[in-house]
Amino acid sequence: MSPNLCPQDSVGAVIQDAAGRFLVLYRRGFPKGLAFIAGHSEEGEDPRTTLQREVFEESGIVVKKCELALHRT
């Protein structure tokens, strides 16, 4: 078994609008460049709650509905 390189749970959001465009942010801090919204879970937080919080913190968008694409338990 490989070592856990990221011991804290995290999420990433791929947001697409009705026209098929994806939301991509430009990060000014490390690592710089284009990225999807992502972040680490806070203690006791489930993946959907983490996703909603991170999307709001990084973009101001309120997530009302999301689909979990990949989840590790």
Protein backbone atom coordinates (compact mmCIF):
# COMPACT_ATOMS: atom_id res chain seq x y z
CA MET A 1 0.00 0.00 0.00
CA SER A 2 1.35 3.44 -0.90
CA PRO A 3 1.76 6.10 1.78
CA ASN A 4 -0.99 8.70 2.10
CA LEU A 5 0.63 11.82 0.63
CA CYS A 6 -2.36 13.98 1.56
CA PRO A 7 -3.67 12.80 4.94
CA GLN A 8 -6.45 15.38 4.98
CA ASP A 9 -9.57 14.79 2.87
CA SER A 10 -10.06 17.26 0.05
CA VAL A 11 -12.48 18.10 -2.75
CA GLY A 12 -12.32 19.61 -6.21
CA ALA A 13 -15.19 21.18 -8.15
CA VAL A 14 -15.73 21.11 -11.89
CA ILE A 15 -18.44 23.69 -12.59
CA GLN A 16 -20.03 23.88 -16.04
CA ASP A 17 -22.73 26.31 -17.16
CA ALA A 18 -25.63 25.66 -19.55
CA ALA A 19 -23.51 26.86 -22.49
CA GLY A 20 -20.88 24.20 -21.73
CA ARG A 21 -18.27 26.62 -20.34
CA PHE A 22 -16.17 25.61 -17.33
CA LEU A 23 -15.34 27.83 -14.37
CA VAL A 24 -11.56 28.08 -13.98
CA LEU A 25 -9.83 30.39 -11.49
CA TYR A 26 -6.44 32.04 -11.77
CA ARG A 27 -4.49 31.45 -8.58
CA ARG A 28 -2.11 34.22 -7.57
CA GLY A 29 -0.57 32.24 -4.73
CA PHE A 30 1.22 28.90 -4.80
CA PRO A 31 0.69 27.07 -7.01
CA LYS A 32 0.13 29.91 -9.50
CA GLY A 33 -1.88 29.37 -12.64
CA LEU A 34 -5.30 28.17 -13.76
CA ALA A 35 -7.16 25.72 -11.54
CA PHE A 36 -10.54 24.36 -10.64
CA ILE A 37 -11.89 25.18 -7.19
CA ALA A 38 -10.48 22.84 -4.56
CA GLY A 39 -9.79 22.65 -0.85
CA HIS A 40 -9.40 20.54 2.26
CA SER A 41 -12.18 19.35 4.55
CA GLU A 42 -12.49 20.80 8.00
CA GLU A 43 -12.73 18.38 10.93
CA GLY A 44 -16.00 16.43 10.82
CA GLU A 45 -17.05 17.90 7.47
CA ASP A 46 -18.53 15.60 4.81
CA PRO A 47 -17.43 15.95 1.14
CA ARG A 48 -20.60 17.74 -0.04
CA THR A 49 -20.40 20.32 2.74
CA THR A 50 -16.70 20.85 1.99
CA LEU A 51 -17.50 21.36 -1.69
CA GLN A 52 -20.25 23.87 -0.94
CA ARG A 53 -18.02 25.83 1.44
CA GLU A 54 -14.98 25.86 -0.86
CA VAL A 55 -16.98 26.92 -3.92
CA PHE A 56 -18.55 29.78 -1.96
CA GLU A 57 -15.25 30.87 -0.38
CA GLU A 58 -13.38 30.92 -3.69
CA SER A 59 -16.09 32.18 -6.06
CA GLY A 60 -19.11 33.47 -4.16
CA ILE A 61 -21.30 30.85 -5.89
CA VAL A 62 -23.85 29.04 -3.72
CA VAL A 63 -24.01 25.35 -4.61
CA LYS A 64 -27.58 24.09 -4.40
CA LYS A 65 -27.08 20.74 -6.12
CA CYS A 66 -23.94 18.71 -6.74
CA GLU A 67 -23.02 15.26 -7.91
CA LEU A 68 -20.27 13.35 -6.17
CA ALA A 69 -18.09 11.85 -8.90
CA LEU A 70 -15.37 10.15 -6.87
CA HIS A 71 -15.23 9.45 -3.18
CA ARG A 72 -12.71 7.57 -1.09
CA THR A 73 -13.74 6.27 2.32
